[in-house]
Amino acid sequence: MSSDVQSALTFLQLNDYISLVIATAVIYDYFLTISNEVAYIWKRPWTIVSTLFLLVRYVGCLSAL
C-alpha cells in the first residue's frame, strides 16, 4: 500500500514538473514573438485572420490555465 501511495505522489510530482516546463516554453515563445505580433497584428486593419490568430493565441492560453 505504501508503495502505491509513493508511486502516485511521484507521478504527480512528475506531472507538475512537465506542466512547469510547458508553461515556461509558452511564456518564452510569447516574449520572443511579441514584437512580430505588434507589427503584423495590432498595427494593421482587422481581418478574419488576425481575429483567428488572437483567438487561438490568447483564448487557447487562457483555457489551458
N, C-alpha and C. Protein backbone atom coordinates (compact mmCIF):
# COMPACT_ATOMS: atom_id res chain seq x y z
N MET A 1 0.82 -1.20 0.00
CA MET A 1 0.00 0.00 0.00
C MET A 1 0.86 1.25 0.00
N SER A 2 1.90 1.25 0.78
CA SER A 2 2.76 2.42 0.86
C SER A 2 3.45 2.71 -0.46
N SER A 3 3.84 1.65 -1.16
CA SER A 3 4.50 1.87 -2.45
C SER A 3 3.52 2.43 -3.49
N ASP A 4 2.23 2.08 -3.37
CA ASP A 4 1.24 2.65 -4.28
C ASP A 4 1.08 4.15 -4.05
N VAL A 5 1.06 4.56 -2.81
CA VAL A 5 0.94 5.99 -2.49
C VAL A 5 2.18 6.73 -2.96
N GLN A 6 3.34 6.14 -2.70
CA GLN A 6 4.59 6.78 -3.12
C GLN A 6 4.66 6.86 -4.64
N SER A 7 4.20 5.85 -5.34
CA SER A 7 4.19 5.86 -6.79
C SER A 7 3.25 6.95 -7.32
N ALA A 8 2.09 7.10 -6.70
CA ALA A 8 1.14 8.13 -7.11
C ALA A 8 1.72 9.52 -6.87
N LEU A 9 2.37 9.72 -5.73
CA LEU A 9 2.97 11.02 -5.43
C LEU A 9 4.11 11.34 -6.39
N THR A 10 4.89 10.33 -6.75
CA THR A 10 5.97 10.53 -7.72
C THR A 10 5.40 10.93 -9.07
N PHE A 11 4.31 10.28 -9.48
CA PHE A 11 3.66 10.61 -10.74
C PHE A 11 3.13 12.04 -10.71
N LEU A 12 2.53 12.46 -9.62
CA LEU A 12 2.01 13.83 -9.51
C LEU A 12 3.13 14.86 -9.57
N GLN A 13 4.25 14.55 -8.93
CA GLN A 13 5.39 15.47 -8.97
C GLN A 13 5.95 15.57 -10.38
N LEU A 14 6.03 14.47 -11.08
CA LEU A 14 6.50 14.49 -12.47
C LEU A 14 5.55 15.29 -13.34
N ASN A 15 4.26 15.14 -13.11
CA ASN A 15 3.26 15.89 -13.84
C ASN A 15 3.42 17.39 -13.60
N ASP A 16 3.69 17.78 -12.37
CA ASP A 16 3.91 19.20 -12.06
C ASP A 16 5.15 19.74 -12.77
N TYR A 17 6.21 18.95 -12.82
CA TYR A 17 7.43 19.39 -13.50
C TYR A 17 7.19 19.56 -15.01
N ILE A 18 6.47 18.62 -15.60
CA ILE A 18 6.18 18.72 -17.03
C ILE A 18 5.32 19.94 -17.31
N SER A 19 4.33 20.19 -16.46
CA SER A 19 3.48 21.38 -16.64
C SER A 19 4.30 22.66 -16.54
N LEU A 20 5.24 22.70 -15.63
CA LEU A 20 6.10 23.87 -15.48
C LEU A 20 6.98 24.08 -16.71
N VAL A 21 7.51 23.02 -17.27
CA VAL A 21 8.33 23.13 -18.47
C VAL A 21 7.50 23.65 -19.64
N ILE A 22 6.30 23.14 -19.80
CA ILE A 22 5.44 23.58 -20.90
C ILE A 22 5.05 25.05 -20.73
N ALA A 23 4.70 25.45 -19.51
CA ALA A 23 4.34 26.85 -19.26
C ALA A 23 5.53 27.77 -19.54
N THR A 24 6.72 27.35 -19.15
CA THR A 24 7.91 28.14 -19.40
C THR A 24 8.16 28.29 -20.90
N ALA A 25 7.96 27.23 -21.65
CA ALA A 25 8.16 27.29 -23.11
C ALA A 25 7.14 28.22 -23.77
N VAL A 26 5.90 28.19 -23.30
CA VAL A 26 4.87 29.06 -23.88
C VAL A 26 5.18 30.52 -23.57
N ILE A 27 5.58 30.82 -22.34
CA ILE A 27 5.92 32.19 -21.97
C ILE A 27 7.14 32.68 -22.75
N TYR A 28 8.13 31.82 -22.90
CA TYR A 28 9.32 32.16 -23.67
C TYR A 28 8.95 32.48 -25.13
N ASP A 29 8.09 31.65 -25.71
CA ASP A 29 7.64 31.88 -27.08
C ASP A 29 6.88 33.19 -27.19
N TYR A 30 6.06 33.49 -26.19
CA TYR A 30 5.31 34.75 -26.20
C TYR A 30 6.26 35.94 -26.23
N PHE A 31 7.27 35.94 -25.38
CA PHE A 31 8.20 37.07 -25.33
C PHE A 31 9.06 37.17 -26.60
N LEU A 32 9.33 36.04 -27.23
CA LEU A 32 10.10 36.09 -28.47
C LEU A 32 9.31 36.67 -29.64
N THR A 33 8.00 36.44 -29.64
CA THR A 33 7.20 36.82 -30.80
C THR A 33 6.32 38.04 -30.58
N ILE A 34 6.40 38.68 -29.43
CA ILE A 34 5.52 39.82 -29.16
C ILE A 34 5.79 40.99 -30.11
N SER A 35 7.04 41.20 -30.48
CA SER A 35 7.33 42.31 -31.40
C SER A 35 6.73 42.06 -32.78
N ASN A 36 6.81 40.83 -33.25
CA ASN A 36 6.18 40.49 -34.54
C ASN A 36 4.66 40.60 -34.46
N GLU A 37 4.10 40.20 -33.33
CA GLU A 37 2.65 40.29 -33.16
C GLU A 37 2.19 41.75 -33.22
N VAL A 38 2.91 42.63 -32.57
CA VAL A 38 2.55 44.05 -32.60
C VAL A 38 2.65 44.59 -34.02
N ALA A 39 3.70 44.23 -34.72
CA ALA A 39 3.90 44.75 -36.08
C ALA A 39 2.89 44.21 -37.07
N TYR A 40 2.58 42.92 -36.99
CA TYR A 40 1.75 42.30 -38.03
C TYR A 40 0.27 42.17 -37.66
N ILE A 41 -0.07 42.27 -36.39
CA ILE A 41 -1.47 42.09 -35.98
C ILE A 41 -2.05 43.40 -35.47
N TRP A 42 -1.42 44.00 -34.49
CA TRP A 42 -2.02 45.16 -33.82
C TRP A 42 -1.95 46.44 -34.63
N LYS A 43 -0.96 46.59 -35.49
CA LYS A 43 -0.83 47.83 -36.27
C LYS A 43 -1.45 47.74 -37.65
N ARG A 44 -2.16 46.70 -37.93
CA ARG A 44 -2.80 46.51 -39.24
C ARG A 44 -4.32 46.55 -39.07
N PRO A 45 -5.04 46.75 -40.16
CA PRO A 45 -6.51 46.68 -40.07
C PRO A 45 -6.96 45.26 -39.67
N TRP A 46 -8.08 45.21 -38.97
CA TRP A 46 -8.60 43.92 -38.51
C TRP A 46 -9.12 43.11 -39.67
N THR A 47 -8.71 41.84 -39.70
CA THR A 47 -9.21 40.90 -40.69
C THR A 47 -9.65 39.64 -39.96
N ILE A 48 -10.21 38.72 -40.70
CA ILE A 48 -10.60 37.45 -40.11
C ILE A 48 -9.36 36.69 -39.62
N VAL A 49 -8.29 36.77 -40.36
CA VAL A 49 -7.06 36.07 -39.98
C VAL A 49 -6.49 36.62 -38.68
N SER A 50 -6.49 37.93 -38.52
CA SER A 50 -5.96 38.49 -37.28
C SER A 50 -6.86 38.13 -36.09
N THR A 51 -8.15 38.09 -36.31
CA THR A 51 -9.07 37.68 -35.25
C THR A 51 -8.85 36.23 -34.87
N LEU A 52 -8.70 35.37 -35.85
CA LEU A 52 -8.43 33.96 -35.57
C LEU A 52 -7.10 33.78 -34.85
N PHE A 53 -6.09 34.54 -35.25
CA PHE A 53 -4.80 34.46 -34.58
C PHE A 53 -4.94 34.81 -33.10
N LEU A 54 -5.63 35.89 -32.81
CA LEU A 54 -5.79 36.31 -31.42
C LEU A 54 -6.62 35.30 -30.62
N LEU A 55 -7.64 34.74 -31.24
CA LEU A 55 -8.43 33.73 -30.55
C LEU A 55 -7.59 32.50 -30.21
N VAL A 56 -6.83 32.04 -31.17
CA VAL A 56 -6.01 30.85 -30.93
C VAL A 56 -4.94 31.13 -29.89
N ARG A 57 -4.31 32.30 -30.00
CA ARG A 57 -3.18 32.60 -29.12
C ARG A 57 -3.62 32.86 -27.68
N TYR A 58 -4.64 33.66 -27.48
CA TYR A 58 -4.98 34.08 -26.13
C TYR A 58 -6.08 33.25 -25.48
N VAL A 59 -7.10 32.90 -26.21
CA VAL A 59 -8.14 32.07 -25.64
C VAL A 59 -7.60 30.67 -25.37
N GLY A 60 -6.75 30.19 -26.25
CA GLY A 60 -6.12 28.89 -26.03
C GLY A 60 -5.25 28.86 -24.78
N CYS A 61 -4.50 29.93 -24.58
CA CYS A 61 -3.65 30.01 -23.38
C CYS A 61 -4.49 30.11 -22.11
N LEU A 62 -5.56 30.88 -22.18
CA LEU A 62 -6.43 31.03 -21.01
C LEU A 62 -7.15 29.73 -20.68
N SER A 63 -7.56 29.00 -21.68
CA SER A 63 -8.25 27.75 -21.41
C SER A 63 -7.30 26.68 -20.86
N ALA A 64 -6.03 26.78 -21.23
CA ALA A 64 -5.05 25.82 -20.70
C ALA A 64 -4.77 26.05 -19.23
N LEU A 65 -4.94 27.29 -18.78
CA LEU A 65 -4.71 27.57 -17.36
C LEU A 65 -5.83 26.99 -16.54
